[in-house]
C-alpha atoms as a PDB file:
ATOM      1  CA  MET A   1      61.168   2.025 -57.770  1.00  0.00           C
ATOM      2  CA  SER A   2      61.331  -1.123 -55.585  1.00  0.00           C
ATOM      3  CA  SER A   3      58.395  -2.649 -53.732  1.00  0.00           C
ATOM      4  CA  SER A   4      59.849  -1.324 -50.488  1.00  0.00           C
ATOM      5  CA  GLU A   5      59.413   2.225 -51.795  1.00  0.00           C
ATOM      6  CA  SER A   6      55.791   1.803 -52.896  1.00  0.00           C
ATOM      7  CA  ILE A   7      53.618   4.786 -52.115  1.00  0.00           C
ATOM      8  CA  SER A   8      50.002   4.803 -50.920  1.00  0.00           C
ATOM      9  CA  SER A   9      47.773   7.828 -50.825  1.00  0.00           C
ATOM     10  CA  ASP A  10      48.601   8.481 -47.172  1.00  0.00           C
ATOM     11  CA  PHE A  11      51.763   6.631 -46.306  1.00  0.00           C
ATOM     12  CA  LYS A  12      55.197   5.896 -47.686  1.00  0.00           C
ATOM     13  CA  THR A  13      55.955   2.230 -47.287  1.00  0.00           C
ATOM     14  CA  THR A  14      59.294   1.624 -45.589  1.00  0.00           C
ATOM     15  CA  PRO A  15      60.563  -1.834 -44.621  1.00  0.00           C
ATOM     16  CA  ILE A  16      61.043  -2.241 -40.878  1.00  0.00           C
ATOM     17  CA  THR A  17      64.089  -4.213 -39.807  1.00  0.00           C
ATOM     18  CA  ASP A  18      63.523  -6.803 -37.120  1.00  0.00           C
ATOM     19  CA  HIS A  19      66.378  -6.589 -34.605  1.00  0.00           C
ATOM     20  CA  HIS A  20      65.270  -9.471 -32.410  1.00  0.00           C
ATOM     21  CA  GLU A  21      67.889 -12.123 -31.826  1.00  0.00           C
ATOM     22  CA  GLY A  22      67.555 -15.265 -33.844  1.00  0.00           C
ATOM     23  CA  SER A  23      65.528 -13.600 -36.583  1.00  0.00           C
ATOM     24  CA  VAL A  24      66.009 -15.065 -40.029  1.00  0.00           C
ATOM     25  CA  PRO A  25      64.993 -13.855 -43.492  1.00  0.00           C
ATOM     26  CA  VAL A  26      61.357 -14.701 -44.220  1.00  0.00           C
ATOM     27  CA  LYS A  27      60.445 -15.795 -47.722  1.00  0.00           C
ATOM     28  CA  THR A  28      56.673 -16.000 -47.309  1.00  0.00           C
ATOM     29  CA  CYS A  29      53.807 -13.704 -46.335  1.00  0.00           C
ATOM     30  CA  THR A  30      53.659 -13.745 -42.526  1.00  0.00           C
ATOM     31  CA  ILE A  31      51.627 -11.834 -39.941  1.00  0.00           C
ATOM     32  CA  THR A  32      53.604 -10.840 -36.854  1.00  0.00           C
ATOM     33  CA  GLY A  33      53.698  -8.360 -33.965  1.00  0.00           C
ATOM     34  CA  ASP A  34      51.985  -8.300 -30.572  1.00  0.00           C
ATOM     35  CA  GLY A  35      48.787  -7.099 -32.177  1.00  0.00           C
ATOM     36  CA  ASP A  36      49.322  -8.667 -35.601  1.00  0.00           C
ATOM     37  CA  GLU A  37      50.121  -5.175 -36.867  1.00  0.00           C
ATOM     38  CA  PHE A  38      52.978  -6.204 -39.160  1.00  0.00           C
ATOM     39  CA  ILE A  39      53.018  -8.107 -42.448  1.00  0.00           C
ATOM     40  CA  VAL A  40      56.263  -9.701 -43.621  1.00  0.00           C
ATOM     41  CA  ILE A  41      56.482 -10.204 -47.399  1.00  0.00           C
ATOM     42  CA  GLY A  42      59.727 -11.731 -48.544  1.00  0.00           C
ATOM     43  CA  ASN A  43      62.474  -9.961 -46.594  1.00  0.00           C
ATOM     44  CA  HIS A  44      60.474  -6.779 -46.034  1.00  0.00           C
ATOM     45  CA  LYS A  45      58.288  -5.883 -43.083  1.00  0.00           C
ATOM     46  CA  TYR A  46      55.318  -3.527 -43.443  1.00  0.00           C
ATOM     47  CA  TYR A  47      52.578  -2.053 -41.287  1.00  0.00           C
ATOM     48  CA  ARG A  48      49.142  -3.378 -42.269  1.00  0.00           C
ATOM     49  CA  HIS A  49      47.916   0.101 -43.238  1.00  0.00           C
ATOM     50  CA  GLU A  50      50.734   0.374 -45.783  1.00  0.00           C
ATOM     51  CA  LEU A  51      49.442  -2.550 -47.841  1.00  0.00           C
ATOM     52  CA  MET A  52      46.562  -2.948 -50.265  1.00  0.00           C
ATOM     53  CA  GLN A  53      43.746  -5.033 -48.858  1.00  0.00           C
ATOM     54  CA  ALA A  54      42.185  -7.835 -50.892  1.00  0.00           C
ATOM     55  CA  PHE A  55      39.524  -6.327 -53.144  1.00  0.00           C
ATOM     56  CA  GLY A  56      37.785  -7.736 -56.186  1.00  0.00           C
ATOM     57  CA  GLY A  57      37.307  -4.294 -57.707  1.00  0.00           C
ATOM     58  CA  THR A  58      41.044  -4.024 -58.295  1.00  0.00           C
ATOM     59  CA  LEU A  59      41.517  -7.780 -58.799  1.00  0.00           C
ATOM     60  CA  ASN A  60      43.837  -7.835 -55.797  1.00  0.00           C
ATOM     61  CA  PRO A  61      43.711 -11.362 -54.288  1.00  0.00           C
ATOM     62  CA  GLY A  62      45.459 -10.517 -51.013  1.00  0.00           C
ATOM     63  CA  LEU A  63      47.713  -8.216 -49.011  1.00  0.00           C
ATOM     64  CA  ALA A  64      50.301  -6.651 -51.316  1.00  0.00           C
ATOM     65  CA  PRO A  65      52.480  -3.525 -51.505  1.00  0.00           C
ATOM     66  CA  TYR A  66      50.976  -0.675 -53.471  1.00  0.00           C
ATOM     67  CA  PRO A  67      51.853  -0.767 -57.199  1.00  0.00           C
ATOM     68  CA  THR A  68      54.998   1.057 -58.216  1.00  0.00           C
ATOM     69  CA  HIS A  69      53.150   2.854 -61.025  1.00  0.00           C
ATOM     70  CA  LYS A  70      49.955   4.851 -60.595  1.00  0.00           C
ATOM     71  CA  TYR A  71      47.931   3.945 -63.659  1.00  0.00           C
ATOM     72  CA  GLY A  72      44.183   3.637 -63.926  1.00  0.00           C
ATOM     73  CA  ASN A  73      42.456   0.534 -62.595  1.00  0.00           C
ATOM     74  CA  THR A  74      42.281  -1.877 -65.518  1.00  0.00           C
ATOM     75  CA  ALA A  75      40.379  -4.581 -63.599  1.00  0.00           C
ATOM     76  CA  PRO A  76      36.809  -3.309 -64.281  1.00  0.00           C
ATOM     77  CA  LEU A  77      37.396  -3.294 -68.047  1.00  0.00           C
ATOM     78  CA  GLY A  78      38.638  -6.885 -68.063  1.00  0.00           C
ATOM     79  CA  LEU A  79      35.817  -8.003 -65.780  1.00  0.00           C
ATOM     80  CA  ILE A  80      33.168  -6.307 -67.922  1.00  0.00           C
ATOM     81  CA  ALA A  81      34.621  -7.841 -71.084  1.00  0.00           C
ATOM     82  CA  THR A  82      34.603 -11.435 -69.896  1.00  0.00           C
ATOM     83  CA  SER A  83      31.316 -11.133 -67.947  1.00  0.00           C
ATOM     84  CA  PHE A  84      29.575  -9.724 -71.020  1.00  0.00           C
ATOM     85  CA  ASN A  85      30.603 -12.768 -73.064  1.00  0.00           C
ATOM     86  CA  ILE A  86      29.754 -15.237 -70.318  1.00  0.00           C
ATOM     87  CA  LEU A  87      26.290 -13.686 -69.965  1.00  0.00           C
ATOM     88  CA  VAL A  88      25.544 -13.987 -73.691  1.00  0.00           C
ATOM     89  CA  LEU A  89      27.004 -17.483 -74.020  1.00  0.00           C
ATOM     90  CA  GLY A  90      25.316 -18.577 -70.795  1.00  0.00           C
ATOM     91  CA  LEU A  91      21.928 -17.415 -72.082  1.00  0.00           C
ATOM     92  CA  TYR A  92      22.481 -19.370 -75.298  1.00  0.00           C
ATOM     93  CA  PHE A  93      23.451 -22.541 -73.476  1.00  0.00           C
ATOM     94  CA  ALA A  94      20.565 -22.087 -71.037  1.00  0.00           C
ATOM     95  CA  GLY A  95      18.167 -22.134 -74.004  1.00  0.00           C
ATOM     96  CA  ALA A  96      16.977 -18.527 -73.818  1.00  0.00           C
ATOM     97  CA  LYS A  97      14.642 -17.704 -76.748  1.00  0.00           C
ATOM     98  CA  HIS A  98      15.371 -21.245 -78.056  1.00  0.00           C
ATOM     99  CA  ILE A  99      18.526 -20.082 -79.849  1.00  0.00           C
ATOM    100  CA  GLN A 100      20.498 -23.061 -81.157  1.00  0.00           C
ATOM    101  CA  PHE A 101      23.576 -21.429 -82.654  1.00  0.00           C
ATOM    102  CA  THR A 102      26.106 -19.123 -80.987  1.00  0.00           C
ATOM    103  CA  ASN A 103      27.633 -17.777 -84.208  1.00  0.00           C
ATOM    104  CA  VAL A 104      26.062 -14.329 -83.799  1.00  0.00           C
ATOM    105  CA  ALA A 105      28.229 -13.855 -80.714  1.00  0.00           C
ATOM    106  CA  VAL A 106      31.513 -14.560 -82.537  1.00  0.00           C
ATOM    107  CA  SER A 107      32.183 -10.829 -82.834  1.00  0.00           C
ATOM    108  CA  LEU A 108      31.843 -10.547 -79.054  1.00  0.00           C
ATOM    109  CA  PHE A 109      34.211 -13.475 -78.551  1.00  0.00           C
ATOM    110  CA  ILE A 110      36.862 -11.857 -80.725  1.00  0.00           C
ATOM    111  CA  PHE A 111      36.591  -8.187 -79.845  1.00  0.00           C
ATOM    112  CA  MET A 112      34.943  -7.794 -76.429  1.00  0.00           C
ATOM    113  CA  GLY A 113      36.024 -10.917 -74.590  1.00  0.00           C
ATOM    114  CA  GLY A 114      39.192 -11.447 -76.581  1.00  0.00           C
ATOM    115  CA  LEU A 115      40.838  -8.221 -77.712  1.00  0.00           C
ATOM    116  CA  VAL A 116      39.531  -5.862 -75.007  1.00  0.00           C
ATOM    117  CA  GLN A 117      40.269  -8.290 -72.191  1.00  0.00           C
ATOM    118  CA  PHE A 118      43.720  -9.155 -73.555  1.00  0.00           C
ATOM    119  CA  LEU A 119      44.627  -5.463 -73.772  1.00  0.00           C
ATOM    120  CA  SER A 120      43.426  -4.859 -70.207  1.00  0.00           C
ATOM    121  CA  GLY A 121      45.711  -7.695 -69.121  1.00  0.00           C
ATOM    122  CA  ILE A 122      48.667  -6.146 -70.955  1.00  0.00           C
ATOM    123  CA  TRP A 123      47.960  -2.833 -69.233  1.00  0.00           C
ATOM    124  CA  GLY A 124      47.973  -4.652 -65.912  1.00  0.00           C
ATOM    125  CA  PHE A 125      51.529  -5.778 -66.646  1.00  0.00           C
ATOM    126  CA  PHE A 126      52.739  -2.182 -66.352  1.00  0.00           C
ATOM    127  CA  ILE A 127      51.093  -1.667 -62.963  1.00  0.00           C
ATOM    128  CA  GLY A 128      53.689  -3.816 -61.247  1.00  0.00           C
ATOM    129  CA  SER A 129      53.567  -5.649 -57.879  1.00  0.00           C
ATOM    130  CA  GLN A 130      51.570  -8.788 -57.141  1.00  0.00           C
ATOM    131  CA  VAL A 131      48.328  -7.099 -58.189  1.00  0.00           C
ATOM    132  CA  GLY A 132      49.620  -6.342 -61.688  1.00  0.00           C
ATOM    133  CA  THR A 133      50.915  -9.892 -62.013  1.00  0.00           C
ATOM    134  CA  PHE A 134      47.504 -11.358 -61.170  1.00  0.00           C
ATOM    135  CA  ILE A 135      45.723  -9.025 -63.589  1.00  0.00           C
ATOM    136  CA  PHE A 136      48.248  -9.756 -66.350  1.00  0.00           C
ATOM    137  CA  ILE A 137      48.003 -13.546 -66.041  1.00  0.00           C
ATOM    138  CA  THR A 138      44.233 -13.650 -65.583  1.00  0.00           C
ATOM    139  CA  PHE A 139      43.075 -11.301 -68.329  1.00  0.00           C
ATOM    140  CA  THR A 140      45.604 -12.239 -71.017  1.00  0.00           C
ATOM    141  CA  SER A 141      44.806 -15.922 -70.427  1.00  0.00           C
ATOM    142  CA  TYR A 142      41.029 -15.534 -70.601  1.00  0.00           C
ATOM    143  CA  GLY A 143      41.353 -13.072 -73.457  1.00  0.00           C
ATOM    144  CA  SER A 144      43.231 -15.784 -75.345  1.00  0.00           C
ATOM    145  CA  PHE A 145      40.497 -18.246 -74.429  1.00  0.00           C
ATOM    146  CA  TRP A 146      37.801 -16.100 -76.021  1.00  0.00           C
ATOM    147  CA  LEU A 147      39.921 -15.531 -79.131  1.00  0.00           C
ATOM    148  CA  SER A 148      40.509 -19.264 -79.513  1.00  0.00           C
ATOM    149  CA  PHE A 149      36.852 -20.057 -78.838  1.00  0.00           C
ATOM    150  CA  GLY A 150      35.684 -17.525 -81.408  1.00  0.00           C
ATOM    151  CA  ALA A 151      38.116 -18.957 -83.981  1.00  0.00           C
ATOM    152  CA  ILE A 152      36.180 -22.249 -83.885  1.00  0.00           C
ATOM    153  CA  PHE A 153      33.219 -20.561 -85.579  1.00  0.00           C
ATOM    154  CA  ILE A 154      35.196 -18.598 -88.190  1.00  0.00           C
ATOM    155  CA  PRO A 155      35.236 -20.613 -91.473  1.00  0.00           C
ATOM    156  CA  ALA A 156      38.689 -19.323 -92.466  1.00  0.00           C
ATOM    157  CA  PHE A 157      40.256 -21.299 -89.621  1.00  0.00           C
ATOM    158  CA  GLY A 158      38.647 -24.525 -90.842  1.00  0.00           C
ATOM    159  CA  ILE A 159      38.176 -25.844 -87.297  1.00  0.00           C
ATOM    160  CA  ALA A 160      34.446 -26.609 -87.393  1.00  0.00           C
ATOM    161  CA  ASP A 161      34.741 -27.871 -90.988  1.00  0.00           C
ATOM    162  CA  ALA A 162      37.291 -30.457 -89.885  1.00  0.00           C
ATOM    163  CA  TYR A 163      34.567 -32.163 -87.827  1.00  0.00           C
ATOM    164  CA  LYS A 164      31.820 -32.135 -90.463  1.00  0.00           C
ATOM    165  CA  ASP A 165      31.964 -35.929 -90.827  1.00  0.00           C
ATOM    166  CA  VAL A 166      31.930 -36.468 -87.052  1.00  0.00           C
ATOM    167  CA  PRO A 167      29.421 -33.967 -85.604  1.00  0.00           C
ATOM    168  CA  ASP A 168      29.888 -35.218 -82.048  1.00  0.00           C
ATOM    169  CA  GLY A 169      33.655 -34.894 -82.384  1.00  0.00           C
ATOM    170  CA  LEU A 170      33.501 -31.100 -82.187  1.00  0.00           C
ATOM    171  CA  ASN A 171      31.607 -31.207 -78.907  1.00  0.00           C
ATOM    172  CA  GLN A 172      34.081 -33.731 -77.521  1.00  0.00           C
ATOM    173  CA  ALA A 173      36.998 -31.531 -78.553  1.00  0.00           C
ATOM    174  CA  ILE A 174      35.411 -28.444 -76.984  1.00  0.00           C
ATOM    175  CA  GLY A 175      34.797 -30.471 -73.830  1.00  0.00           C
ATOM    176  CA  LEU A 176      38.463 -31.462 -73.594  1.00  0.00           C
ATOM    177  CA  MET A 177      39.498 -27.854 -74.158  1.00  0.00           C
ATOM    178  CA  ALA A 178      37.167 -26.847 -71.335  1.00  0.00           C
ATOM    179  CA  VAL A 179      38.819 -29.374 -69.028  1.00  0.00           C
ATOM    180  CA  GLY A 180      42.138 -27.562 -69.463  1.00  0.00           C
ATOM    181  CA  TRP A 181      40.528 -24.217 -68.689  1.00  0.00           C
ATOM    182  CA  ALA A 182      38.786 -25.703 -65.655  1.00  0.00           C
ATOM    183  CA  ILE A 183      42.177 -26.803 -64.272  1.00  0.00           C
ATOM    184  CA  PHE A 184      43.602 -23.321 -64.895  1.00  0.00           C
ATOM    185  CA  THR A 185      40.603 -21.629 -63.260  1.00  0.00           C
ATOM    186  CA  THR A 186      40.848 -23.918 -60.232  1.00  0.00           C
ATOM    187  CA  MET A 187      44.481 -22.867 -59.901  1.00  0.00           C
ATOM    188  CA  LEU A 188      43.415 -19.205 -59.913  1.00  0.00           C
ATOM    189  CA  LEU A 189      40.652 -19.965 -57.417  1.00  0.00           C
ATOM    190  CA  MET A 190      43.237 -21.289 -54.973  1.00  0.00           C
ATOM    191  CA  THR A 191      45.040 -17.932 -55.090  1.00  0.00           C
ATOM    192  CA  VAL A 192      42.030 -15.957 -53.818  1.00  0.00           C
ATOM    193  CA  VAL A 193      41.237 -17.999 -50.687  1.00  0.00           C
ATOM    194  CA  LYS A 194      42.563 -15.081 -48.599  1.00  0.00           C
ATOM    195  CA  SER A 195      40.588 -12.423 -50.457  1.00  0.00           C
ATOM    196  CA  THR A 196      36.899 -11.532 -50.111  1.00  0.00           C
ATOM    197  CA  PHE A 197      33.585 -13.367 -50.336  1.00  0.00           C
ATOM    198  CA  SER A 198      32.513 -11.644 -53.560  1.00  0.00           C
ATOM    199  CA  PHE A 199      35.909 -12.121 -55.247  1.00  0.00           C
ATOM    200  CA  PHE A 200      36.010 -15.799 -54.287  1.00  0.00           C
ATOM    201  CA  TRP A 201      32.383 -16.277 -55.369  1.00  0.00           C
ATOM    202  CA  ALA A 202      33.070 -14.741 -58.802  1.00  0.00           C
ATOM    203  CA  LEU A 203      35.966 -17.122 -59.496  1.00  0.00           C
ATOM    204  CA  PHE A 204      34.176 -20.081 -57.914  1.00  0.00           C
ATOM    205  CA  THR A 205      31.099 -19.694 -60.120  1.00  0.00           C
ATOM    206  CA  LEU A 206      33.338 -19.222 -63.168  1.00  0.00           C
ATOM    207  CA  ASP A 207      35.181 -22.433 -62.336  1.00  0.00           C
ATOM    208  CA  LEU A 208      31.886 -24.251 -61.750  1.00  0.00           C
ATOM    209  CA  THR A 209      30.526 -22.957 -65.065  1.00  0.00           C
ATOM    210  CA  ILE A 210      33.503 -24.332 -66.998  1.00  0.00           C
ATOM    211  CA  ILE A 211      33.448 -27.677 -65.154  1.00  0.00           C
ATOM    212  CA  VAL A 212      29.731 -28.228 -65.772  1.00  0.00           C
ATOM    213  CA  LEU A 213      29.993 -27.197 -69.441  1.00  0.00           C
ATOM    214  CA  ALA A 214      32.987 -29.503 -69.892  1.00  0.00           C
ATOM    215  CA  ALA A 215      30.947 -32.377 -68.445  1.00  0.00           C
ATOM    216  CA  GLY A 216      28.013 -31.469 -70.682  1.00  0.00           C
ATOM    217  CA  PHE A 217      30.031 -31.375 -73.904  1.00  0.00           C
ATOM    218  CA  LEU A 218      31.932 -34.565 -73.113  1.00  0.00           C
ATOM    219  CA  SER A 219      28.796 -36.479 -72.143  1.00  0.00           C
ATOM    220  CA  GLY A 220      26.566 -34.954 -74.805  1.00  0.00           C
ATOM    221  CA  SER A 221      23.973 -34.127 -72.148  1.00  0.00           C
ATOM    222  CA  GLU A 222      21.854 -31.133 -73.162  1.00  0.00           C
ATOM    223  CA  ASN A 223      20.548 -30.721 -69.612  1.00  0.00           C
ATOM    224  CA  THR A 224      24.081 -30.505 -68.237  1.00  0.00           C
ATOM    225  CA  ILE A 225      25.021 -27.894 -70.837  1.00  0.00           C
ATOM    226  CA  LYS A 226      21.867 -25.981 -69.929  1.00  0.00           C
ATOM    227  CA  ALA A 227      22.836 -26.111 -66.237  1.00  0.00           C
ATOM    228  CA  GLY A 228      26.286 -24.794 -67.145  1.00  0.00           C
ATOM    229  CA  GLY A 229      24.668 -21.916 -69.011  1.00  0.00           C
ATOM    230  CA  ILE A 230      22.519 -20.993 -66.014  1.00  0.00           C
ATOM    231  CA  ILE A 231      25.558 -20.997 -63.711  1.00  0.00           C
ATOM    232  CA  GLY A 232      27.356 -18.876 -66.303  1.00  0.00           C
ATOM    233  CA  VAL A 233      24.625 -16.221 -66.114  1.00  0.00           C
ATOM    234  CA  ILE A 234      25.026 -16.139 -62.324  1.00  0.00           C
ATOM    235  CA  ASN A 235      28.771 -15.788 -62.752  1.00  0.00           C
ATOM    236  CA  ALA A 236      28.365 -12.925 -65.229  1.00  0.00           C
ATOM    237  CA  PHE A 237      26.499 -10.824 -62.668  1.00  0.00           C
ATOM    238  CA  SER A 238      29.130 -11.707 -60.050  1.00  0.00           C
ATOM    239  CA  GLY A 239      31.837 -10.393 -62.375  1.00  0.00           C
ATOM    240  CA  TRP A 240      29.874  -7.259 -63.128  1.00  0.00           C
ATOM    241  CA  TYR A 241      29.496  -6.615 -59.405  1.00  0.00           C
ATOM    242  CA  GLU A 242      33.284  -6.706 -59.041  1.00  0.00           C
ATOM    243  CA  ALA A 243      33.614  -4.337 -62.009  1.00  0.00           C
ATOM    244  CA  TRP A 244      31.088  -1.949 -60.465  1.00  0.00           C
ATOM    245  CA  ALA A 245      32.996  -2.126 -57.169  1.00  0.00           C
ATOM    246  CA  GLY A 246      36.179  -1.150 -58.980  1.00  0.00           C
ATOM    247  CA  MET A 247      34.595   1.893 -60.611  1.00  0.00           C
ATOM    248  CA  SER A 248      32.510   3.174 -57.699  1.00  0.00           C
ATOM    249  CA  ASN A 249      33.804   5.781 -55.287  1.00  0.00           C
ATOM    250  CA  PRO A 250      32.267   8.490 -53.051  1.00  0.00           C
ATOM    251  CA  GLN A 251      32.747  11.051 -55.822  1.00  0.00           C
ATOM    252  CA  ASN A 252      30.551   9.276 -58.385  1.00  0.00           C
ATOM    253  CA  ASN A 253      28.229   7.058 -56.371  1.00  0.00           C
ATOM    254  CA  TYR A 254      26.089   7.243 -53.251  1.00  0.00           C
ATOM    255  CA  ILE A 255      26.530   3.497 -52.752  1.00  0.00           C
ATOM    256  CA  VAL A 256      30.150   2.368 -52.574  1.00  0.00           C
ATOM    257  CA  PRO A 257      30.457  -1.408 -52.187  1.00  0.00           C
ATOM    258  CA  ARG A 258      32.613  -2.779 -49.407  1.00  0.00           C
ATOM    259  CA  ASP A 259      33.835  -6.327 -49.795  1.00  0.00           C
ATOM    260  CA  ILE A 260      33.695  -8.697 -46.824  1.00  0.00           C
ATOM    261  CA  PRO A 261      37.005 -10.513 -46.258  1.00  0.00           C
ATOM    262  CA  LEU A 262      37.054 -14.289 -46.040  1.00  0.00           C
ATOM    263  CA  PRO A 263      37.779 -15.751 -42.582  1.00  0.00           C
ATOM    264  CA  ASP A 264      41.426 -16.089 -41.614  1.00  0.00           C
ATOM    265  CA  PHE A 265      41.466 -19.855 -41.157  1.00  0.00           C
ATOM    266  CA  ALA A 266      45.185 -19.843 -40.394  1.00  0.00           C
ATOM    267  CA  LYS A 267      44.492 -17.681 -37.341  1.00  0.00           C
ATOM    268  CA  LEU A 268      41.821 -20.111 -36.182  1.00  0.00           C
ATOM    269  CA  PHE A 269      44.256 -23.004 -36.440  1.00  0.00           C
ATOM    270  CA  ARG A 270      46.863 -21.082 -34.461  1.00  0.00           C
ATOM    271  CA  ARG A 271      44.362 -20.435 -31.672  1.00  0.00           C
ATOM    272  CA  LYS A 272      43.475 -24.139 -31.446  1.00  0.00           C
ATOM    273  CA  LYS A 273      47.116 -24.962 -30.894  1.00  0.00           C
END
């Protein structure tokens, strides 16, 4: 089934051909119509009500056709998995209960944050459309991150043992690894600037957490690492809010969250012109 035949709960999405003279194929996402009632995605034109709105609960970063396959929403599972790990690791780095070693959380890194999140990303692949693509890339990537991070503390891999003669070398190496993940997270952050406040905030605090922790490990500053842990705890609750939003509906909850969309800055710029 093509994206032009995607089906919502109330409408069947059908591309609308523009017969105006001088019209040319559009390759980007464009808002058009006298009342901005149409969205042009690629070469297809849709009514606004026929598209999914940006919503963190489904990990949908912007207007997109409805998925071609009607599977369950895998976003809450992936969000819970990574937020659970970030909460625990953030509490450790923040110095909660004066815990110095994170090894007890290795099982969480491997199974909850790694395996569960990776599988939720794979399931997102089968959803299709832009939403499934975002879920697939995000959760499989961060699932791999947690698996690789957990491997550092498993003796069989010999990673930590390789730095036994240079104790600071391990922190430096983790810091450099975090730099790469900070770049990747910033890239993801730039794809949700047309989504919602809560969705943007969740990715922003995640990005900030990784950046601050990278700076802390590279500089050897315990206070900076502690600050990164505190931001991580804030991010964990942001992710759990998005997961709760994805699971809540009028049938199971008296309070159904409604995300607030970010301002349409492009529209503001057009008005100034």
